[in-house]
N, C-alpha and C. Protein backbone atom coordinates (compact mmCIF):
# COMPACT_ATOMS: atom_id res chain seq x y z
N MET A 1 7.31 24.84 -10.39
CA MET A 1 6.67 24.79 -9.07
C MET A 1 8.00 24.33 -8.15
N SER A 2 7.80 24.49 -6.86
CA SER A 2 8.86 24.49 -5.98
C SER A 2 8.55 22.78 -5.53
N ARG A 3 9.65 22.61 -4.98
CA ARG A 3 9.84 21.06 -4.41
C ARG A 3 8.88 20.76 -3.35
N ALA A 4 8.46 21.70 -2.65
CA ALA A 4 7.42 21.83 -1.68
C ALA A 4 5.81 21.46 -2.08
N LYS A 5 5.55 22.14 -3.43
CA LYS A 5 4.41 21.97 -3.70
C LYS A 5 4.40 20.62 -4.51
N GLY A 6 5.31 20.31 -5.04
CA GLY A 6 5.63 19.06 -5.59
C GLY A 6 5.36 17.75 -4.85
N ASN A 7 5.96 17.79 -3.57
CA ASN A 7 5.91 16.95 -2.58
C ASN A 7 4.29 16.91 -2.07
N LEU A 8 3.84 17.95 -2.04
CA LEU A 8 2.41 17.99 -1.70
C LEU A 8 1.38 17.26 -2.53
N ALA A 9 1.88 17.77 -3.72
CA ALA A 9 1.05 16.88 -4.78
C ALA A 9 1.07 15.38 -4.99
N GLU A 10 2.71 14.93 -4.42
CA GLU A 10 2.93 13.47 -4.53
C GLU A 10 1.99 13.01 -3.26
N ASP A 11 2.10 13.73 -2.37
CA ASP A 11 1.65 13.04 -1.21
C ASP A 11 0.02 12.59 -1.34
N LYS A 12 -0.44 13.74 -1.99
CA LYS A 12 -1.89 13.45 -2.44
C LYS A 12 -2.47 12.53 -3.38
N ALA A 13 -1.21 12.48 -4.15
CA ALA A 13 -1.54 11.27 -5.23
C ALA A 13 -1.27 9.77 -4.67
N CYS A 14 -0.18 9.74 -3.77
CA CYS A 14 -0.41 8.43 -2.96
C CYS A 14 -1.33 8.13 -2.15
N ARG A 15 -2.02 9.05 -1.31
CA ARG A 15 -3.22 8.72 -0.92
C ARG A 15 -4.33 8.40 -1.66
N PHE A 16 -4.40 8.87 -2.95
CA PHE A 16 -5.36 8.57 -4.02
C PHE A 16 -5.13 7.18 -4.41
N LEU A 17 -4.02 6.87 -4.61
CA LEU A 17 -3.53 5.42 -5.02
C LEU A 17 -4.04 4.37 -4.07
N ASP A 18 -3.47 4.87 -2.96
CA ASP A 18 -3.78 3.71 -1.71
C ASP A 18 -5.36 3.65 -1.63
N GLU A 19 -5.99 4.77 -1.72
CA GLU A 19 -7.69 4.60 -1.50
C GLU A 19 -8.23 3.85 -2.86
N LYS A 20 -7.28 3.63 -3.76
CA LYS A 20 -7.89 2.95 -5.11
C LYS A 20 -7.25 1.50 -5.08
N GLY A 21 -6.49 1.26 -4.14
CA GLY A 21 -6.06 -0.12 -3.91
C GLY A 21 -4.58 -0.45 -4.43
N PHE A 22 -4.01 0.73 -4.78
CA PHE A 22 -2.53 0.35 -5.13
C PHE A 22 -1.67 0.40 -4.05
N ILE A 23 -0.38 -0.50 -4.16
CA ILE A 23 0.53 -0.25 -3.23
C ILE A 23 1.67 0.14 -3.68
N ILE A 24 1.87 1.49 -2.62
CA ILE A 24 3.11 2.01 -3.37
C ILE A 24 4.59 1.56 -2.88
N VAL A 25 5.24 1.17 -3.89
CA VAL A 25 6.62 0.49 -3.87
C VAL A 25 7.93 1.53 -3.76
N GLU A 26 7.86 2.61 -4.35
CA GLU A 26 8.91 3.45 -4.08
C GLU A 26 8.30 5.10 -4.66
N ARG A 27 9.35 5.83 -4.22
CA ARG A 27 8.77 7.40 -4.49
C ARG A 27 10.39 7.83 -4.88
N ASN A 28 9.96 8.81 -6.09
CA ASN A 28 11.14 9.57 -6.45
C ASN A 28 12.37 8.57 -6.93
N PHE A 29 12.13 7.33 -7.59
CA PHE A 29 13.25 6.82 -8.31
C PHE A 29 14.14 7.60 -9.31
N TYR A 30 15.07 7.86 -9.16
CA TYR A 30 16.26 8.53 -10.17
C TYR A 30 16.77 7.54 -10.83
N SER A 31 17.26 8.00 -12.32
CA SER A 31 18.47 7.49 -13.41
C SER A 31 18.89 8.68 -13.82
N ARG A 32 19.91 8.31 -14.96
CA ARG A 32 20.46 9.13 -15.46
C ARG A 32 19.42 9.81 -16.48
N PHE A 33 18.51 9.16 -16.78
CA PHE A 33 17.54 9.69 -17.85
C PHE A 33 16.42 10.48 -17.07
N GLY A 34 16.30 10.19 -15.54
CA GLY A 34 15.25 11.36 -15.14
C GLY A 34 14.53 10.62 -13.85
N GLU A 35 13.45 11.06 -13.52
CA GLU A 35 13.09 10.76 -12.35
C GLU A 35 11.46 10.27 -12.47
N ILE A 36 10.88 9.31 -11.60
CA ILE A 36 9.74 8.48 -11.55
C ILE A 36 8.93 8.85 -10.52
N ASP A 37 7.95 9.93 -10.34
CA ASP A 37 7.36 10.33 -9.05
C ASP A 37 6.91 9.15 -8.13
N ILE A 38 6.10 8.30 -8.51
CA ILE A 38 5.71 7.12 -7.72
C ILE A 38 5.78 5.78 -8.64
N ILE A 39 6.32 4.61 -7.92
CA ILE A 39 6.26 3.30 -8.43
C ILE A 39 5.20 2.46 -7.70
N ALA A 40 4.01 1.97 -8.13
CA ALA A 40 3.16 1.50 -7.20
C ALA A 40 2.68 0.07 -7.99
N THR A 41 2.23 -0.66 -7.37
CA THR A 41 1.81 -2.07 -8.07
C THR A 41 0.36 -2.40 -7.48
N LYS A 42 -0.51 -2.83 -8.58
CA LYS A 42 -2.00 -3.44 -8.42
C LYS A 42 -2.08 -4.62 -9.30
N ASP A 43 -2.93 -5.58 -8.88
CA ASP A 43 -3.19 -6.60 -9.92
C ASP A 43 -2.26 -7.09 -10.38
N GLU A 44 -1.04 -7.31 -10.32
CA GLU A 44 0.24 -7.65 -10.55
C GLU A 44 0.91 -6.93 -11.61
N VAL A 45 0.73 -5.59 -11.81
CA VAL A 45 1.10 -4.80 -12.70
C VAL A 45 1.62 -3.50 -11.87
N LEU A 46 2.93 -3.58 -12.41
CA LEU A 46 3.86 -2.34 -12.25
C LEU A 46 3.41 -0.99 -12.52
N HIS A 47 3.05 0.06 -12.02
CA HIS A 47 2.59 1.14 -12.38
C HIS A 47 3.69 2.62 -12.06
N PHE A 48 4.10 2.99 -13.31
CA PHE A 48 5.12 4.16 -13.16
C PHE A 48 4.46 5.50 -13.14
N VAL A 49 4.22 6.16 -12.48
CA VAL A 49 3.37 7.44 -12.33
C VAL A 49 3.89 8.53 -12.14
N GLU A 50 3.62 9.54 -13.11
CA GLU A 50 4.20 10.79 -13.02
C GLU A 50 3.05 11.63 -12.48
N VAL A 51 3.49 12.64 -11.42
CA VAL A 51 2.28 13.57 -10.92
C VAL A 51 2.79 15.03 -11.38
N LYS A 52 1.73 15.62 -11.80
CA LYS A 52 1.55 16.99 -12.37
C LYS A 52 0.70 17.76 -11.49
N SER A 53 0.92 19.15 -11.21
CA SER A 53 -0.06 19.88 -10.40
C SER A 53 -0.12 21.14 -11.23
N GLY A 54 -1.23 21.77 -10.69
CA GLY A 54 -1.41 23.12 -11.25
C GLY A 54 -2.89 23.82 -10.95
N LEU A 55 -3.27 25.04 -11.23
CA LEU A 55 -4.15 25.56 -11.00
C LEU A 55 -5.35 24.75 -11.51
N ASP A 56 -5.34 24.40 -13.05
CA ASP A 56 -6.03 23.68 -13.63
C ASP A 56 -5.54 22.44 -14.36
N TYR A 57 -6.39 21.71 -14.99
CA TYR A 57 -5.98 20.38 -15.54
C TYR A 57 -5.15 20.87 -16.73
N GLU A 58 -5.59 21.49 -17.60
CA GLU A 58 -5.10 22.19 -18.90
C GLU A 58 -3.46 22.25 -18.68
N LEU A 59 -3.56 23.10 -17.68
CA LEU A 59 -1.86 23.73 -17.39
C LEU A 59 -1.09 22.52 -17.05
N ALA A 60 -1.68 21.53 -15.81
CA ALA A 60 -0.87 20.77 -15.55
C ALA A 60 -0.34 19.81 -16.56
N ILE A 61 -1.47 19.11 -17.58
CA ILE A 61 -1.24 17.96 -18.24
C ILE A 61 -0.41 18.66 -19.32
N GLN A 62 -0.11 19.87 -19.64
CA GLN A 62 0.98 20.16 -20.78
C GLN A 62 2.18 20.03 -20.52
N ASN A 63 2.56 19.87 -19.21
CA ASN A 63 3.92 19.60 -18.71
C ASN A 63 4.30 17.85 -19.24
N ILE A 64 3.40 17.13 -19.72
CA ILE A 64 3.80 15.91 -20.13
C ILE A 64 3.82 15.92 -21.49
N THR A 65 5.12 15.91 -21.65
CA THR A 65 5.60 16.17 -23.09
C THR A 65 6.32 15.08 -23.78
N PRO A 66 5.95 14.62 -25.17
CA PRO A 66 6.76 13.53 -25.51
C PRO A 66 8.37 13.13 -25.38
N THR A 67 8.99 14.22 -24.97
CA THR A 67 10.37 14.10 -24.28
C THR A 67 10.41 13.33 -22.97
N LYS A 68 9.28 14.12 -22.00
CA LYS A 68 8.97 13.47 -20.77
C LYS A 68 8.36 11.85 -20.66
N ILE A 69 7.88 11.68 -21.33
CA ILE A 69 7.46 10.19 -21.56
C ILE A 69 8.44 9.45 -22.02
N SER A 70 9.14 9.89 -22.94
CA SER A 70 10.52 8.98 -23.70
C SER A 70 11.34 8.83 -22.31
N ARG A 71 11.61 9.95 -21.56
CA ARG A 71 12.47 9.77 -20.37
C ARG A 71 11.74 8.74 -19.35
N LEU A 72 10.86 8.82 -19.12
CA LEU A 72 9.99 8.00 -18.10
C LEU A 72 9.99 6.43 -18.49
N ILE A 73 9.99 6.30 -19.73
CA ILE A 73 10.15 4.76 -20.33
C ILE A 73 11.47 4.47 -20.19
N LYS A 74 12.46 5.28 -20.09
CA LYS A 74 13.78 4.87 -20.06
C LYS A 74 14.32 4.55 -18.68
N THR A 75 13.57 5.30 -17.66
CA THR A 75 13.85 5.46 -16.27
C THR A 75 13.05 3.95 -15.90
N ALA A 76 11.87 3.73 -16.32
CA ALA A 76 11.37 2.74 -15.77
C ALA A 76 11.91 1.36 -16.30
N HIS A 77 12.62 1.25 -17.47
CA HIS A 77 13.38 0.29 -18.00
C HIS A 77 14.47 -0.04 -17.02
N VAL A 78 15.31 1.15 -16.36
CA VAL A 78 16.44 0.91 -15.62
C VAL A 78 15.93 0.48 -14.21
N TYR A 79 14.61 0.93 -13.93
CA TYR A 79 14.08 0.31 -12.30
C TYR A 79 13.92 -1.09 -12.89
N MET A 80 13.22 -1.63 -13.93
CA MET A 80 12.89 -2.85 -13.97
C MET A 80 14.00 -3.75 -14.12
N LYS A 81 15.10 -3.54 -14.73
CA LYS A 81 16.34 -4.21 -14.75
C LYS A 81 17.05 -4.03 -13.54
N LYS A 82 17.24 -2.85 -12.80
CA LYS A 82 17.69 -3.01 -11.48
C LYS A 82 17.15 -3.99 -10.54
N ASN A 83 15.87 -4.28 -10.73
CA ASN A 83 15.08 -4.97 -9.57
C ASN A 83 14.58 -6.36 -10.32
N GLY A 84 15.17 -6.93 -11.38
CA GLY A 84 14.73 -7.96 -11.86
C GLY A 84 13.23 -8.38 -12.11
N TYR A 85 12.82 -7.13 -12.58
CA TYR A 85 11.14 -7.37 -13.03
C TYR A 85 10.82 -7.16 -14.26
N GLU A 86 9.84 -8.49 -14.53
CA GLU A 86 9.99 -8.69 -16.06
C GLU A 86 8.35 -8.86 -16.38
N ASN A 87 7.67 -8.48 -15.54
CA ASN A 87 6.10 -8.47 -15.78
C ASN A 87 5.48 -7.31 -16.47
N ASP A 88 4.15 -7.33 -16.30
CA ASP A 88 3.35 -6.08 -16.93
C ASP A 88 3.60 -4.72 -16.34
N PHE A 89 3.79 -3.88 -17.14
CA PHE A 89 3.73 -2.50 -16.42
C PHE A 89 3.10 -1.48 -17.26
N GLU A 90 2.73 -0.25 -16.74
CA GLU A 90 2.16 0.88 -17.58
C GLU A 90 2.76 2.14 -16.82
N LEU A 91 2.64 3.28 -17.85
CA LEU A 91 3.11 4.57 -17.32
C LEU A 91 1.73 5.21 -17.08
N ASP A 92 1.25 5.91 -16.28
CA ASP A 92 0.32 6.39 -15.58
C ASP A 92 0.74 7.82 -15.37
N ALA A 93 -0.32 8.87 -15.22
CA ALA A 93 -0.23 10.23 -14.80
C ALA A 93 -0.95 10.59 -13.92
N ILE A 94 -1.13 11.43 -12.63
CA ILE A 94 -2.01 12.11 -11.83
C ILE A 94 -1.78 13.45 -11.83
N VAL A 95 -2.75 14.13 -12.38
CA VAL A 95 -3.18 15.67 -12.23
C VAL A 95 -3.81 16.00 -10.73
N VAL A 96 -3.20 16.69 -10.38
CA VAL A 96 -3.67 17.28 -8.86
C VAL A 96 -3.81 18.79 -9.07
N THR A 97 -5.31 19.21 -9.06
CA THR A 97 -5.84 20.36 -8.77
C THR A 97 -6.24 20.87 -7.88
N PRO A 98 -6.67 22.32 -7.38
CA PRO A 98 -7.08 22.56 -6.21
C PRO A 98 -8.47 21.75 -5.77
N LYS A 99 -9.20 21.65 -7.02
CA LYS A 99 -10.50 20.89 -6.90
C LYS A 99 -10.63 19.51 -7.24
N LYS A 100 -9.63 19.03 -7.60
CA LYS A 100 -9.79 17.43 -7.72
C LYS A 100 -8.48 16.71 -8.24
N ILE A 101 -8.64 15.38 -8.19
CA ILE A 101 -7.36 14.65 -8.63
C ILE A 101 -7.71 13.69 -9.70
N GLU A 102 -7.05 13.83 -10.75
CA GLU A 102 -7.45 12.90 -11.92
C GLU A 102 -6.31 12.12 -12.44
N PHE A 103 -6.71 10.65 -12.47
CA PHE A 103 -5.94 9.38 -12.55
C PHE A 103 -5.74 9.12 -14.39
N ILE A 104 -4.92 9.20 -14.99
CA ILE A 104 -4.87 8.98 -16.58
C ILE A 104 -3.67 7.88 -16.80
N GLU A 105 -4.68 6.74 -17.29
CA GLU A 105 -4.06 5.37 -17.14
C GLU A 105 -3.09 5.08 -18.50
N ASN A 106 -2.20 4.62 -18.66
CA ASN A 106 -1.58 4.13 -20.25
C ASN A 106 -1.15 5.48 -21.11
N ILE A 107 -0.51 6.40 -20.35
CA ILE A 107 0.27 7.52 -21.20
C ILE A 107 1.01 6.97 -22.03
N THR A 108 1.11 7.57 -23.40
CA THR A 108 1.64 7.15 -24.39
C THR A 108 2.37 8.48 -25.32
N LEU A 109 3.14 7.99 -26.10
CA LEU A 109 3.48 9.19 -26.87
C LEU A 109 2.62 9.44 -28.11
């Protein structure tokens, strides 16, 4: 996927989260382990959100592999240490397709 398509999907995901009451803290946080697309808060919980897009849900969700989740966890820990954050957090995913946006909470290995 091109960076432009990725940015469009992330913009849609940010609007979706905003409509659901999340506060966007940061976008495209990088560490040596990888990137987190969106970092947001809601109800005192920090959400690290991976955004995937595709023509359909199955094609998009297949790109969230165990390796990707492991890198997200490591990058989340870097972010929390860098920012002195010690409260609750979770890893989530948003799948953007031409017809809908799907929010998946608490993705795990």
